[in-house]
PDB file of N, CA and C in Angstrom:
ATOM      1  N   VAL A   1       0.851  -1.188   0.000  1.00  0.00           N
ATOM      2  CA  VAL A   1       0.000   0.000   0.000  1.00  0.00           C
ATOM      3  C   VAL A   1       0.883   1.233   0.000  1.00  0.00           C
ATOM      4  N   GLN A   2       0.597   2.126  -0.895  1.00  0.00           N
ATOM      5  CA  GLN A   2       1.316   3.402  -0.906  1.00  0.00           C
ATOM      6  C   GLN A   2       0.361   4.508  -0.500  1.00  0.00           C
ATOM      7  N   LEU A   3       0.852   5.378   0.371  1.00  0.00           N
ATOM      8  CA  LEU A   3       0.055   6.476   0.879  1.00  0.00           C
ATOM      9  C   LEU A   3       0.749   7.787   0.552  1.00  0.00           C
ATOM     10  N   GLN A   4      -0.027   8.765   0.170  1.00  0.00           N
ATOM     11  CA  GLN A   4       0.516  10.090  -0.096  1.00  0.00           C
ATOM     12  C   GLN A   4      -0.330  11.117   0.634  1.00  0.00           C
ATOM     13  N   ALA A   5       0.330  11.801   1.573  1.00  0.00           N
ATOM     14  CA  ALA A   5      -0.351  12.820   2.365  1.00  0.00           C
ATOM     15  C   ALA A   5      -0.053  14.198   1.800  1.00  0.00           C
ATOM     16  N   PHE A   6      -1.039  15.055   1.843  1.00  0.00           N
ATOM     17  CA  PHE A   6      -0.840  16.424   1.391  1.00  0.00           C
ATOM     18  C   PHE A   6      -1.866  17.325   2.066  1.00  0.00           C
ATOM     19  N   GLY A   7      -1.664  18.640   1.900  1.00  0.00           N
ATOM     20  CA  GLY A   7      -2.583  19.600   2.488  1.00  0.00           C
ATOM     21  C   GLY A   7      -1.995  20.428   3.613  1.00  0.00           C
ATOM     22  N   GLY A   8      -0.766  20.108   4.023  1.00  0.00           N
ATOM     23  CA  GLY A   8      -0.142  20.891   5.076  1.00  0.00           C
ATOM     24  C   GLY A   8       0.240  22.276   4.587  1.00  0.00           C
ATOM     25  N   GLY A   9       0.678  23.100   5.527  1.00  0.00           N
ATOM     26  CA  GLY A   9       1.084  24.449   5.162  1.00  0.00           C
ATOM     27  C   GLY A   9       1.233  25.311   6.390  1.00  0.00           C
ATOM     28  N   LEU A  10       1.351  26.600   6.153  1.00  0.00           N
ATOM     29  CA  LEU A  10       1.501  27.589   7.219  1.00  0.00           C
ATOM     30  C   LEU A  10       0.158  28.262   7.459  1.00  0.00           C
ATOM     31  N   VAL A  11      -0.244  28.289   8.706  1.00  0.00           N
ATOM     32  CA  VAL A  11      -1.522  28.885   9.063  1.00  0.00           C
ATOM     33  C   VAL A  11      -1.374  29.615  10.390  1.00  0.00           C
ATOM     34  N   GLN A  12      -2.152  30.648  10.573  1.00  0.00           N
ATOM     35  CA  GLN A  12      -2.120  31.372  11.845  1.00  0.00           C
ATOM     36  C   GLN A  12      -2.929  30.626  12.895  1.00  0.00           C
ATOM     37  N   ALA A  13      -2.595  30.863  14.131  1.00  0.00           N
ATOM     38  CA  ALA A  13      -3.339  30.268  15.238  1.00  0.00           C
ATOM     39  C   ALA A  13      -4.820  30.610  15.104  1.00  0.00           C
ATOM     40  N   GLY A  14      -5.648  29.590  15.332  1.00  0.00           N
ATOM     41  CA  GLY A  14      -7.087  29.756  15.166  1.00  0.00           C
ATOM     42  C   GLY A  14      -7.584  29.386  13.788  1.00  0.00           C
ATOM     43  N   GLY A  15      -6.668  29.184  12.868  1.00  0.00           N
ATOM     44  CA  GLY A  15      -7.031  28.855  11.500  1.00  0.00           C
ATOM     45  C   GLY A  15      -7.320  27.371  11.306  1.00  0.00           C
ATOM     46  N   SER A  16      -7.557  27.013  10.045  1.00  0.00           N
ATOM     47  CA  SER A  16      -7.935  25.640   9.704  1.00  0.00           C
ATOM     48  C   SER A  16      -7.116  25.124   8.535  1.00  0.00           C
ATOM     49  N   LEU A  17      -6.954  23.824   8.508  1.00  0.00           N
ATOM     50  CA  LEU A  17      -6.352  23.115   7.390  1.00  0.00           C
ATOM     51  C   LEU A  17      -7.073  21.792   7.231  1.00  0.00           C
ATOM     52  N   ARG A  18      -7.060  21.279   6.017  1.00  0.00           N
ATOM     53  CA  ARG A  18      -7.604  19.948   5.772  1.00  0.00           C
ATOM     54  C   ARG A  18      -6.523  19.095   5.132  1.00  0.00           C
ATOM     55  N   LEU A  19      -6.112  18.074   5.846  1.00  0.00           N
ATOM     56  CA  LEU A  19      -5.127  17.146   5.321  1.00  0.00           C
ATOM     57  C   LEU A  19      -5.838  16.009   4.595  1.00  0.00           C
ATOM     58  N   SER A  20      -5.213  15.547   3.542  1.00  0.00           N
ATOM     59  CA  SER A  20      -5.725  14.402   2.795  1.00  0.00           C
ATOM     60  C   SER A  20      -4.640  13.354   2.675  1.00  0.00           C
ATOM     61  N   CYS A  21      -5.056  12.121   2.562  1.00  0.00           N
ATOM     62  CA  CYS A  21      -4.118  11.014   2.380  1.00  0.00           C
ATOM     63  C   CYS A  21      -4.730  10.070   1.360  1.00  0.00           C
ATOM     64  N   ALA A  22      -4.107  10.008   0.200  1.00  0.00           N
ATOM     65  CA  ALA A  22      -4.597   9.162  -0.881  1.00  0.00           C
ATOM     66  C   ALA A  22      -3.858   7.829  -0.868  1.00  0.00           C
ATOM     67  N   ALA A  23      -4.601   6.749  -1.023  1.00  0.00           N
ATOM     68  CA  ALA A  23      -4.022   5.413  -0.968  1.00  0.00           C
ATOM     69  C   ALA A  23      -4.097   4.714  -2.313  1.00  0.00           C
ATOM     70  N   SER A  24      -3.113   3.876  -2.545  1.00  0.00           N
ATOM     71  CA  SER A  24      -3.143   3.024  -3.722  1.00  0.00           C
ATOM     72  C   SER A  24      -3.800   1.709  -3.336  1.00  0.00           C
ATOM     73  N   GLY A  25      -3.963   0.838  -4.265  1.00  0.00           N
ATOM     74  CA  GLY A  25      -4.531  -0.472  -3.949  1.00  0.00           C
ATOM     75  C   GLY A  25      -6.035  -0.507  -4.150  1.00  0.00           C
ATOM     76  N   ARG A  26      -6.535  -1.710  -4.323  1.00  0.00           N
ATOM     77  CA  ARG A  26      -7.958  -1.873  -4.647  1.00  0.00           C
ATOM     78  C   ARG A  26      -8.823  -2.113  -3.427  1.00  0.00           C
ATOM     79  N   THR A  27      -8.200  -2.338  -2.274  1.00  0.00           N
ATOM     80  CA  THR A  27      -8.984  -2.741  -1.111  1.00  0.00           C
ATOM     81  C   THR A  27      -8.911  -1.711   0.002  1.00  0.00           C
ATOM     82  N   PHE A  28      -8.912  -0.445  -0.329  1.00  0.00           N
ATOM     83  CA  PHE A  28      -8.818   0.612   0.679  1.00  0.00           C
ATOM     84  C   PHE A  28      -9.901   0.467   1.731  1.00  0.00           C
ATOM     85  N   SER A  29     -11.064   0.024   1.338  1.00  0.00           N
ATOM     86  CA  SER A  29     -12.175  -0.087   2.281  1.00  0.00           C
ATOM     87  C   SER A  29     -11.908  -1.127   3.368  1.00  0.00           C
ATOM     88  N   ARG A  30     -10.847  -1.911   3.213  1.00  0.00           N
ATOM     89  CA  ARG A  30     -10.483  -2.904   4.216  1.00  0.00           C
ATOM     90  C   ARG A  30      -9.405  -2.396   5.172  1.00  0.00           C
ATOM     91  N   TYR A  31      -8.927  -1.166   4.970  1.00  0.00           N
ATOM     92  CA  TYR A  31      -7.830  -0.665   5.774  1.00  0.00           C
ATOM     93  C   TYR A  31      -8.335   0.187   6.935  1.00  0.00           C
ATOM     94  N   ALA A  32      -7.908  -0.137   8.142  1.00  0.00           N
ATOM     95  CA  ALA A  32      -8.043   0.813   9.229  1.00  0.00           C
ATOM     96  C   ALA A  32      -7.010   1.906   8.995  1.00  0.00           C
ATOM     97  N   MET A  33      -7.394   3.154   9.248  1.00  0.00           N
ATOM     98  CA  MET A  33      -6.519   4.278   8.941  1.00  0.00           C
ATOM     99  C   MET A  33      -6.297   5.143  10.170  1.00  0.00           C
ATOM    100  N   GLY A  34      -5.164   5.822  10.171  1.00  0.00           N
ATOM    101  CA  GLY A  34      -4.864   6.699  11.291  1.00  0.00           C
ATOM    102  C   GLY A  34      -3.990   7.868  10.876  1.00  0.00           C
ATOM    103  N   TRP A  35      -3.974   8.855  11.728  1.00  0.00           N
ATOM    104  CA  TRP A  35      -3.080  10.008  11.583  1.00  0.00           C
ATOM    105  C   TRP A  35      -2.204  10.099  12.831  1.00  0.00           C
ATOM    106  N   PHE A  36      -0.943  10.339  12.602  1.00  0.00           N
ATOM    107  CA  PHE A  36       0.017  10.558  13.664  1.00  0.00           C
ATOM    108  C   PHE A  36       0.750  11.857  13.373  1.00  0.00           C
ATOM    109  N   ARG A  37       1.464  12.364  14.359  1.00  0.00           N
ATOM    110  CA  ARG A  37       2.254  13.564  14.108  1.00  0.00           C
ATOM    111  C   ARG A  37       3.558  13.488  14.881  1.00  0.00           C
ATOM    112  N   GLN A  38       4.538  14.218  14.389  1.00  0.00           N
ATOM    113  CA  GLN A  38       5.834  14.282  15.052  1.00  0.00           C
ATOM    114  C   GLN A  38       6.321  15.714  15.031  1.00  0.00           C
ATOM    115  N   ALA A  39       6.418  16.290  16.213  1.00  0.00           N
ATOM    116  CA  ALA A  39       6.924  17.649  16.353  1.00  0.00           C
ATOM    117  C   ALA A  39       8.448  17.612  16.465  1.00  0.00           C
ATOM    118  N   PRO A  40       9.120  18.713  16.167  1.00  0.00           N
ATOM    119  CA  PRO A  40      10.585  18.732  16.254  1.00  0.00           C
ATOM    120  C   PRO A  40      11.068  18.327  17.638  1.00  0.00           C
ATOM    121  N   GLY A  41      11.971  17.360  17.675  1.00  0.00           N
ATOM    122  CA  GLY A  41      12.549  16.929  18.926  1.00  0.00           C
ATOM    123  C   GLY A  41      11.671  16.008  19.752  1.00  0.00           C
ATOM    124  N   LYS A  42      10.539  15.620  19.198  1.00  0.00           N
ATOM    125  CA  LYS A  42       9.623  14.758  19.954  1.00  0.00           C
ATOM    126  C   LYS A  42       9.362  13.462  19.201  1.00  0.00           C
ATOM    127  N   GLU A  43       8.822  12.502  19.900  1.00  0.00           N
ATOM    128  CA  GLU A  43       8.482  11.238  19.281  1.00  0.00           C
ATOM    129  C   GLU A  43       7.157  11.357  18.526  1.00  0.00           C
ATOM    130  N   ARG A  44       7.000  10.436  17.581  1.00  0.00           N
ATOM    131  CA  ARG A  44       5.744  10.386  16.852  1.00  0.00           C
ATOM    132  C   ARG A  44       4.610  10.016  17.810  1.00  0.00           C
ATOM    133  N   GLU A  45       3.463  10.691  17.670  1.00  0.00           N
ATOM    134  CA  GLU A  45       2.346  10.436  18.570  1.00  0.00           C
ATOM    135  C   GLU A  45       1.045  10.277  17.785  1.00  0.00           C
ATOM    136  N   PHE A  46       0.167   9.514  18.377  1.00  0.00           N
ATOM    137  CA  PHE A  46      -1.147   9.265  17.793  1.00  0.00           C
ATOM    138  C   PHE A  46      -1.987  10.535  17.827  1.00  0.00           C
ATOM    139  N   VAL A  47      -2.752  10.757  16.758  1.00  0.00           N
ATOM    140  CA  VAL A  47      -3.654  11.897  16.685  1.00  0.00           C
ATOM    141  C   VAL A  47      -5.101  11.426  16.541  1.00  0.00           C
ATOM    142  N   ALA A  48      -5.376  10.604  15.541  1.00  0.00           N
ATOM    143  CA  ALA A  48      -6.749  10.190  15.280  1.00  0.00           C
ATOM    144  C   ALA A  48      -6.734   8.901  14.476  1.00  0.00           C
ATOM    145  N   ALA A  49      -7.824   8.143  14.603  1.00  0.00           N
ATOM    146  CA  ALA A  49      -7.953   6.897  13.859  1.00  0.00           C
ATOM    147  C   ALA A  49      -9.403   6.695  13.460  1.00  0.00           C
ATOM    148  N   ILE A  50      -9.584   5.933  12.392  1.00  0.00           N
ATOM    149  CA  ILE A  50     -10.924   5.650  11.897  1.00  0.00           C
ATOM    150  C   ILE A  50     -10.981   4.193  11.465  1.00  0.00           C
ATOM    151  N   SER A  51     -12.106   3.564  11.755  1.00  0.00           N
ATOM    152  CA  SER A  51     -12.276   2.166  11.385  1.00  0.00           C
ATOM    153  C   SER A  51     -12.458   2.037   9.878  1.00  0.00           C
ATOM    154  N   LEU A  52     -12.358   0.815   9.382  1.00  0.00           N
ATOM    155  CA  LEU A  52     -12.458   0.623   7.943  1.00  0.00           C
ATOM    156  C   LEU A  52     -13.842   0.993   7.422  1.00  0.00           C
ATOM    157  N   SER A  53     -14.849   0.870   8.265  1.00  0.00           N
ATOM    158  CA  SER A  53     -16.198   1.241   7.853  1.00  0.00           C
ATOM    159  C   SER A  53     -16.421   2.747   7.900  1.00  0.00           C
ATOM    160  N   GLY A  54     -15.580   3.424   8.679  1.00  0.00           N
ATOM    161  CA  GLY A  54     -15.756   4.854   8.870  1.00  0.00           C
ATOM    162  C   GLY A  54     -16.743   5.211   9.966  1.00  0.00           C
ATOM    163  N   LEU A  55     -17.331   4.218  10.597  1.00  0.00           N
ATOM    164  CA  LEU A  55     -18.370   4.493  11.590  1.00  0.00           C
ATOM    165  C   LEU A  55     -17.795   4.764  12.973  1.00  0.00           C
ATOM    166  N   SER A  56     -16.562   4.359  13.199  1.00  0.00           N
ATOM    167  CA  SER A  56     -15.937   4.553  14.507  1.00  0.00           C
ATOM    168  C   SER A  56     -14.671   5.377  14.356  1.00  0.00           C
ATOM    169  N   THR A  57     -14.499   6.304  15.291  1.00  0.00           N
ATOM    170  CA  THR A  57     -13.310   7.151  15.288  1.00  0.00           C
ATOM    171  C   THR A  57     -12.768   7.275  16.708  1.00  0.00           C
ATOM    172  N   SER A  58     -11.519   7.687  16.797  1.00  0.00           N
ATOM    173  CA  SER A  58     -10.895   7.908  18.092  1.00  0.00           C
ATOM    174  C   SER A  58      -9.912   9.057  17.951  1.00  0.00           C
ATOM    175  N   TYR A  59      -9.774   9.841  19.019  1.00  0.00           N
ATOM    176  CA  TYR A  59      -8.885  10.993  19.003  1.00  0.00           C
ATOM    177  C   TYR A  59      -8.076  11.047  20.298  1.00  0.00           C
ATOM    178  N   VAL A  60      -6.874  11.577  20.178  1.00  0.00           N
ATOM    179  CA  VAL A  60      -6.123  11.869  21.384  1.00  0.00           C
ATOM    180  C   VAL A  60      -6.801  13.054  22.074  1.00  0.00           C
ATOM    181  N   ASN A  61      -6.717  13.113  23.380  1.00  0.00           N
ATOM    182  CA  ASN A  61      -7.508  14.087  24.143  1.00  0.00           C
ATOM    183  C   ASN A  61      -7.273  15.538  23.722  1.00  0.00           C
ATOM    184  N   PHE A  62      -6.038  15.877  23.441  1.00  0.00           N
ATOM    185  CA  PHE A  62      -5.751  17.289  23.213  1.00  0.00           C
ATOM    186  C   PHE A  62      -6.188  17.794  21.833  1.00  0.00           C
ATOM    187  N   VAL A  63      -6.789  16.943  21.007  1.00  0.00           N
ATOM    188  CA  VAL A  63      -7.325  17.413  19.735  1.00  0.00           C
ATOM    189  C   VAL A  63      -8.832  17.255  19.642  1.00  0.00           C
ATOM    190  N   LYS A  64      -9.421  16.639  20.650  1.00  0.00           N
ATOM    191  CA  LYS A  64     -10.865  16.405  20.603  1.00  0.00           C
ATOM    192  C   LYS A  64     -11.625  17.727  20.484  1.00  0.00           C
ATOM    193  N   GLY A  65     -12.575  17.734  19.592  1.00  0.00           N
ATOM    194  CA  GLY A  65     -13.367  18.928  19.359  1.00  0.00           C
ATOM    195  C   GLY A  65     -12.765  19.874  18.339  1.00  0.00           C
ATOM    196  N   ARG A  66     -11.516  19.666  17.983  1.00  0.00           N
ATOM    197  CA  ARG A  66     -10.848  20.540  17.014  1.00  0.00           C
ATOM    198  C   ARG A  66     -10.507  19.809  15.710  1.00  0.00           C
ATOM    199  N   LEU A  67     -10.229  18.533  15.798  1.00  0.00           N
ATOM    200  CA  LEU A  67      -9.854  17.764  14.621  1.00  0.00           C
ATOM    201  C   LEU A  67     -10.900  16.692  14.344  1.00  0.00           C
ATOM    202  N   THR A  68     -11.134  16.436  13.075  1.00  0.00           N
ATOM    203  CA  THR A  68     -12.098  15.428  12.671  1.00  0.00           C
ATOM    204  C   THR A  68     -11.501  14.554  11.580  1.00  0.00           C
ATOM    205  N   ILE A  69     -11.503  13.254  11.820  1.00  0.00           N
ATOM    206  CA  ILE A  69     -11.023  12.309  10.816  1.00  0.00           C
ATOM    207  C   ILE A  69     -12.224  11.735  10.077  1.00  0.00           C
ATOM    208  N   SER A  70     -12.057  11.555   8.786  1.00  0.00           N
ATOM    209  CA  SER A  70     -13.125  10.970   7.973  1.00  0.00           C
ATOM    210  C   SER A  70     -12.476  10.243   6.799  1.00  0.00           C
ATOM    211  N   ARG A  71     -13.286   9.487   6.083  1.00  0.00           N
ATOM    212  CA  ARG A  71     -12.747   8.759   4.940  1.00  0.00           C
ATOM    213  C   ARG A  71     -13.787   8.670   3.843  1.00  0.00           C
ATOM    214  N   ASP A  72     -13.287   8.572   2.630  1.00  0.00           N
ATOM    215  CA  ASP A  72     -14.134   8.358   1.456  1.00  0.00           C
ATOM    216  C   ASP A  72     -13.583   7.114   0.777  1.00  0.00           C
ATOM    217  N   ASN A  73     -14.219   5.988   1.012  1.00  0.00           N
ATOM    218  CA  ASN A  73     -13.688   4.735   0.479  1.00  0.00           C
ATOM    219  C   ASN A  73     -13.743   4.688  -1.052  1.00  0.00           C
ATOM    220  N   ALA A  74     -14.694   5.359  -1.640  1.00  0.00           N
ATOM    221  CA  ALA A  74     -14.782   5.381  -3.108  1.00  0.00           C
ATOM    222  C   ALA A  74     -13.579   6.110  -3.708  1.00  0.00           C
ATOM    223  N   LYS A  75     -13.110   7.147  -3.009  1.00  0.00           N
ATOM    224  CA  LYS A  75     -11.955   7.911  -3.483  1.00  0.00           C
ATOM    225  C   LYS A  75     -10.647   7.424  -2.882  1.00  0.00           C
ATOM    226  N   LYS A  76     -10.731   6.407  -2.025  1.00  0.00           N
ATOM    227  CA  LYS A  76      -9.536   5.840  -1.382  1.00  0.00           C
ATOM    228  C   LYS A  76      -8.729   6.918  -0.677  1.00  0.00           C
ATOM    229  N   THR A  77      -9.419   7.734   0.078  1.00  0.00           N
ATOM    230  CA  THR A  77      -8.783   8.869   0.734  1.00  0.00           C
ATOM    231  C   THR A  77      -9.287   9.004   2.164  1.00  0.00           C
ATOM    232  N   VAL A  78      -8.377   9.347   3.051  1.00  0.00           N
ATOM    233  CA  VAL A  78      -8.732   9.681   4.424  1.00  0.00           C
ATOM    234  C   VAL A  78      -8.369  11.137   4.654  1.00  0.00           C
ATOM    235  N   PHE A  79      -9.185  11.819   5.448  1.00  0.00           N
ATOM    236  CA  PHE A  79      -9.020  13.245   5.668  1.00  0.00           C
ATOM    237  C   PHE A  79      -8.809  13.537   7.156  1.00  0.00           C
ATOM    238  N   LEU A  80      -8.191  14.661   7.414  1.00  0.00           N
ATOM    239  CA  LEU A  80      -8.085  15.178   8.775  1.00  0.00           C
ATOM    240  C   LEU A  80      -8.394  16.668   8.707  1.00  0.00           C
ATOM    241  N   GLN A  81      -9.595  17.015   9.128  1.00  0.00           N
ATOM    242  CA  GLN A  81      -9.996  18.419   9.189  1.00  0.00           C
ATOM    243  C   GLN A  81      -9.503  18.996  10.498  1.00  0.00           C
ATOM    244  N   MET A  82      -8.732  20.061  10.403  1.00  0.00           N
ATOM    245  CA  MET A  82      -8.089  20.636  11.575  1.00  0.00           C
ATOM    246  C   MET A  82      -8.583  22.062  11.754  1.00  0.00           C
ATOM    247  N   ASN A  83      -9.295  22.317  12.832  1.00  0.00           N
ATOM    248  CA  ASN A  83      -9.834  23.642  13.139  1.00  0.00           C
ATOM    249  C   ASN A  83      -9.226  24.165  14.435  1.00  0.00           C
ATOM    250  N   SER A  84      -9.350  25.463  14.638  1.00  0.00           N
ATOM    251  CA  SER A  84      -8.849  26.099  15.870  1.00  0.00           C
ATOM    252  C   SER A  84      -7.421  25.676  16.164  1.00  0.00           C
ATOM    253  N   LEU A  85      -6.594  25.746  15.156  1.00  0.00           N
ATOM    254  CA  LEU A  85      -5.223  25.277  15.296  1.00  0.00           C
ATOM    255  C   LEU A  85      -4.434  26.125  16.276  1.00  0.00           C
ATOM    256  N   LYS A  86      -3.526  25.467  16.965  1.00  0.00           N
ATOM    257  CA  LYS A  86      -2.681  26.103  17.963  1.00  0.00           C
ATOM    258  C   LYS A  86      -1.209  25.940  17.559  1.00  0.00           C
ATOM    259  N   PRO A  87      -0.346  26.818  18.041  1.00  0.00           N
ATOM    260  CA  PRO A  87       1.085  26.655  17.712  1.00  0.00           C
ATOM    261  C   PRO A  87       1.628  25.288  18.097  1.00  0.00           C
ATOM    262  N   GLU A  88       1.105  24.700  19.158  1.00  0.00           N
ATOM    263  CA  GLU A  88       1.584  23.379  19.586  1.00  0.00           C
ATOM    264  C   GLU A  88       1.135  22.259  18.664  1.00  0.00           C
ATOM    265  N   ASP A  89       0.284  22.568  17.695  1.00  0.00           N
ATOM    266  CA  ASP A  89      -0.084  21.579  16.683  1.00  0.00           C
ATOM    267  C   ASP A  89       0.958  21.501  15.564  1.00  0.00           C
ATOM    268  N   THR A  90       1.942  22.367  15.604  1.00  0.00           N
ATOM    269  CA  THR A  90       2.990  22.347  14.590  1.00  0.00           C
ATOM    270  C   THR A  90       3.733  21.020  14.623  1.00  0.00           C
ATOM    271  N   ALA A  91       3.760  20.346  13.473  1.00  0.00           N
ATOM    272  CA  ALA A  91       4.375  19.021  13.387  1.00  0.00           C
ATOM    273  C   ALA A  91       4.293  18.530  11.946  1.00  0.00           C
ATOM    274  N   VAL A  92       5.004  17.458  11.694  1.00  0.00           N
ATOM    275  CA  VAL A  92       4.796  16.710  10.455  1.00  0.00           C
ATOM    276  C   VAL A  92       3.705  15.681  10.734  1.00  0.00           C
ATOM    277  N   TYR A  93       2.699  15.678   9.904  1.00  0.00           N
ATOM    278  CA  TYR A  93       1.565  14.777  10.073  1.00  0.00           C
ATOM    279  C   TYR A  93       1.686  13.619   9.094  1.00  0.00           C
ATOM    280  N   TYR A  94       1.532  12.413   9.622  1.00  0.00           N
ATOM    281  CA  TYR A  94       1.659  11.194   8.834  1.00  0.00           C
ATOM    282  C   TYR A  94       0.337  10.430   8.842  1.00  0.00           C
ATOM    283  N   CYS A  95      -0.044   9.929   7.686  1.00  0.00           N
ATOM    284  CA  CYS A  95      -1.160   9.002   7.652  1.00  0.00           C
ATOM    285  C   CYS A  95      -0.612   7.578   7.627  1.00  0.00           C
ATOM    286  N   ALA A  96      -1.409   6.658   8.126  1.00  0.00           N
ATOM    287  CA  ALA A  96      -0.972   5.270   8.233  1.00  0.00           C
ATOM    288  C   ALA A  96      -2.140   4.343   7.937  1.00  0.00           C
ATOM    289  N   ALA A  97      -1.807   3.183   7.423  1.00  0.00           N
ATOM    290  CA  ALA A  97      -2.822   2.187   7.073  1.00  0.00           C
ATOM    291  C   ALA A  97      -2.446   0.826   7.646  1.00  0.00           C
ATOM    292  N   ASP A  98      -3.461   0.131   8.131  1.00  0.00           N
ATOM    293  CA  ASP A  98      -3.290  -1.287   8.481  1.00  0.00           C
ATOM    294  C   ASP A  98      -3.949  -2.093   7.380  1.00  0.00           C
ATOM    295  N   SER A  99      -3.146  -2.670   6.525  1.00  0.00           N
ATOM    296  CA  SER A  99      -3.664  -3.397   5.369  1.00  0.00           C
ATOM    297  C   SER A  99      -3.668  -4.903   5.575  1.00  0.00           C
ATOM    298  N   ARG A 100      -3.293  -5.342   6.784  1.00  0.00           N
ATOM    299  CA  ARG A 100      -3.113  -6.779   6.987  1.00  0.00           C
ATOM    300  C   ARG A 100      -4.255  -7.427   7.756  1.00  0.00           C
ATOM    301  N   ARG A 101      -4.774  -6.734   8.746  1.00  0.00           N
ATOM    302  CA  ARG A 101      -5.680  -7.396   9.683  1.00  0.00           C
ATOM    303  C   ARG A 101      -7.115  -7.486   9.190  1.00  0.00           C
ATOM    304  N   TYR A 102      -7.556  -6.569   8.392  1.00  0.00           N
ATOM    305  CA  TYR A 102      -8.955  -6.507   7.958  1.00  0.00           C
ATOM    306  C   TYR A 102      -9.864  -6.527   9.184  1.00  0.00           C
ATOM    307  N   THR A 103      -9.638  -5.561  10.085  1.00  0.00           N
ATOM    308  CA  THR A 103     -10.428  -5.459  11.290  1.00  0.00           C
ATOM    309  C   THR A 103     -11.149  -4.125  11.321  1.00  0.00           C
ATOM    310  N   ASN A 104     -12.320  -4.113  11.899  1.00  0.00           N
ATOM    311  CA  ASN A 104     -13.081  -2.874  12.028  1.00  0.00           C
ATOM    312  C   ASN A 104     -12.729  -2.155  13.330  1.00  0.00           C
ATOM    313  N   ALA A 105     -11.656  -2.597  13.950  1.00  0.00           N
ATOM    314  CA  ALA A 105     -11.246  -1.985  15.212  1.00  0.00           C
ATOM    315  C   ALA A 105     -10.571  -0.639  14.966  1.00  0.00           C
ATOM    316  N   ILE A 106     -10.516   0.155  16.021  1.00  0.00           N
ATOM    317  CA  ILE A 106      -9.769   1.405  16.009  1.00  0.00           C
ATOM    318  C   ILE A 106      -8.348   1.105  16.461  1.00  0.00           C
ATOM    319  N   LEU A 107      -7.390   1.521  15.694  1.00  0.00           N
ATOM    320  CA  LEU A 107      -5.987   1.245  15.993  1.00  0.00           C
ATOM    321  C   LEU A 107      -5.291   2.532  16.384  1.00  0.00           C
ATOM    322  N   THR A 108      -4.747   2.587  17.591  1.00  0.00           N
ATOM    323  CA  THR A 108      -4.151   3.824  18.086  1.00  0.00           C
ATOM    324  C   THR A 108      -2.648   3.737  18.287  1.00  0.00           C
ATOM    325  N   SER A 109      -2.063   2.584  18.068  1.00  0.00           N
ATOM    326  CA  SER A 109      -0.625   2.422  18.237  1.00  0.00           C
ATOM    327  C   SER A 109       0.059   2.379  16.881  1.00  0.00           C
ATOM    328  N   ALA A 110       1.181   3.065  16.778  1.00  0.00           N
ATOM    329  CA  ALA A 110       1.921   3.083  15.523  1.00  0.00           C
ATOM    330  C   ALA A 110       2.339   1.677  15.105  1.00  0.00           C
ATOM    331  N   ARG A 111       2.566   0.808  16.077  1.00  0.00           N
ATOM    332  CA  ARG A 111       3.017  -0.553  15.760  1.00  0.00           C
ATOM    333  C   ARG A 111       1.947  -1.370  15.052  1.00  0.00           C
ATOM    334  N   GLN A 112       0.708  -0.913  15.114  1.00  0.00           N
ATOM    335  CA  GLN A 112      -0.379  -1.663  14.499  1.00  0.00           C
ATOM    336  C   GLN A 112      -0.524  -1.359  13.006  1.00  0.00           C
ATOM    337  N   TYR A 113       0.206  -0.379  12.520  1.00  0.00           N
ATOM    338  CA  TYR A 113       0.103   0.020  11.126  1.00  0.00           C
ATOM    339  C   TYR A 113       1.314  -0.473  10.336  1.00  0.00           C
ATOM    340  N   ASP A 114       1.075  -0.882   9.094  1.00  0.00           N
ATOM    341  CA  ASP A 114       2.158  -1.418   8.285  1.00  0.00           C
ATOM    342  C   ASP A 114       2.557  -0.520   7.128  1.00  0.00           C
ATOM    343  N   SER A 115       1.755   0.504   6.849  1.00  0.00           N
ATOM    344  CA  SER A 115       2.070   1.387   5.734  1.00  0.00           C
ATOM    345  C   SER A 115       1.959   2.837   6.193  1.00  0.00           C
ATOM    346  N   TRP A 116       2.906   3.661   5.729  1.00  0.00           N
ATOM    347  CA  TRP A 116       2.970   5.060   6.152  1.00  0.00           C
ATOM    348  C   TRP A 116       3.156   5.968   4.950  1.00  0.00           C
ATOM    349  N   GLY A 117       2.525   7.131   5.022  1.00  0.00           N
ATOM    350  CA  GLY A 117       2.763   8.160   4.031  1.00  0.00           C
ATOM    351  C   GLY A 117       4.034   8.918   4.350  1.00  0.00           C
ATOM    352  N   GLN A 118       4.402   9.834   3.478  1.00  0.00           N
ATOM    353  CA  GLN A 118       5.670  10.536   3.613  1.00  0.00           C
ATOM    354  C   GLN A 118       5.598  11.699   4.592  1.00  0.00           C
ATOM    355  N   GLY A 119       4.421  12.084   5.003  1.00  0.00           N
ATOM    356  CA  GLY A 119       4.279  13.187   5.944  1.00  0.00           C
ATOM    357  C   GLY A 119       4.037  14.511   5.252  1.00  0.00           C
ATOM    358  N   THR A 120       3.277  15.360   5.916  1.00  0.00           N
ATOM    359  CA  THR A 120       3.032  16.705   5.409  1.00  0.00           C
ATOM    360  C   THR A 120       3.169  17.665   6.584  1.00  0.00           C
ATOM    361  N   LEU A 121       3.900  18.746   6.371  1.00  0.00           N
ATOM    362  CA  LEU A 121       4.248  19.663   7.456  1.00  0.00           C
ATOM    363  C   LEU A 121       3.135  20.674   7.690  1.00  0.00           C
ATOM    364  N   VAL A 122       2.745  20.778   8.942  1.00  0.00           N
ATOM    365  CA  VAL A 122       1.786  21.788   9.379  1.00  0.00           C
ATOM    366  C   VAL A 122       2.511  22.736  10.324  1.00  0.00           C
ATOM    367  N   THR A 123       2.485  23.999  10.005  1.00  0.00           N
ATOM    368  CA  THR A 123       3.121  25.007  10.845  1.00  0.00           C
ATOM    369  C   THR A 123       2.068  26.024  11.248  1.00  0.00           C
ATOM    370  N   VAL A 124       1.905  26.196  12.562  1.00  0.00           N
ATOM    371  CA  VAL A 124       0.917  27.124  13.081  1.00  0.00           C
ATOM    372  C   VAL A 124       1.652  28.272  13.762  1.00  0.00           C
ATOM    373  N   SER A 125       1.469  29.461  13.263  1.00  0.00           N
ATOM    374  CA  SER A 125       2.146  30.627  13.826  1.00  0.00           C
ATOM    375  C   SER A 125       1.254  31.289  14.877  1.00  0.00           C
ATOM    376  N   SER A 126       1.903  31.900  15.855  1.00  0.00           N
ATOM    377  CA  SER A 126       1.149  32.545  16.933  1.00  0.00           C
ATOM    378  C   SER A 126       0.859  34.001  16.605  1.00  0.00           C
TER     379      SER A 126
END
């Protein structure tokens, strides 16, 4: 599975961005998907995840109410709508896919994913 993330950029605090992650392969609807981020000098951390059906989602506490993950299985794309952005949201954002398990579970650990996009940089200025 190949993933390509895009949509990052420079935005002022309080602004919005929409990240997209396009996947290759014919069975995207079988992939659990997630978004992670890595800020400078920090480890990669979980941000949001969505089940293969799209009916279940999970978020890390500090983004709840501000970020929304969604997917369009017909377009083989997962999205991360980011509102009310804060300077501490500055990071490289990575999308990830679990293409092996074919589970409708929510996956929040990086170890559960086998495919990663190249990352897209989000910079939030104060």
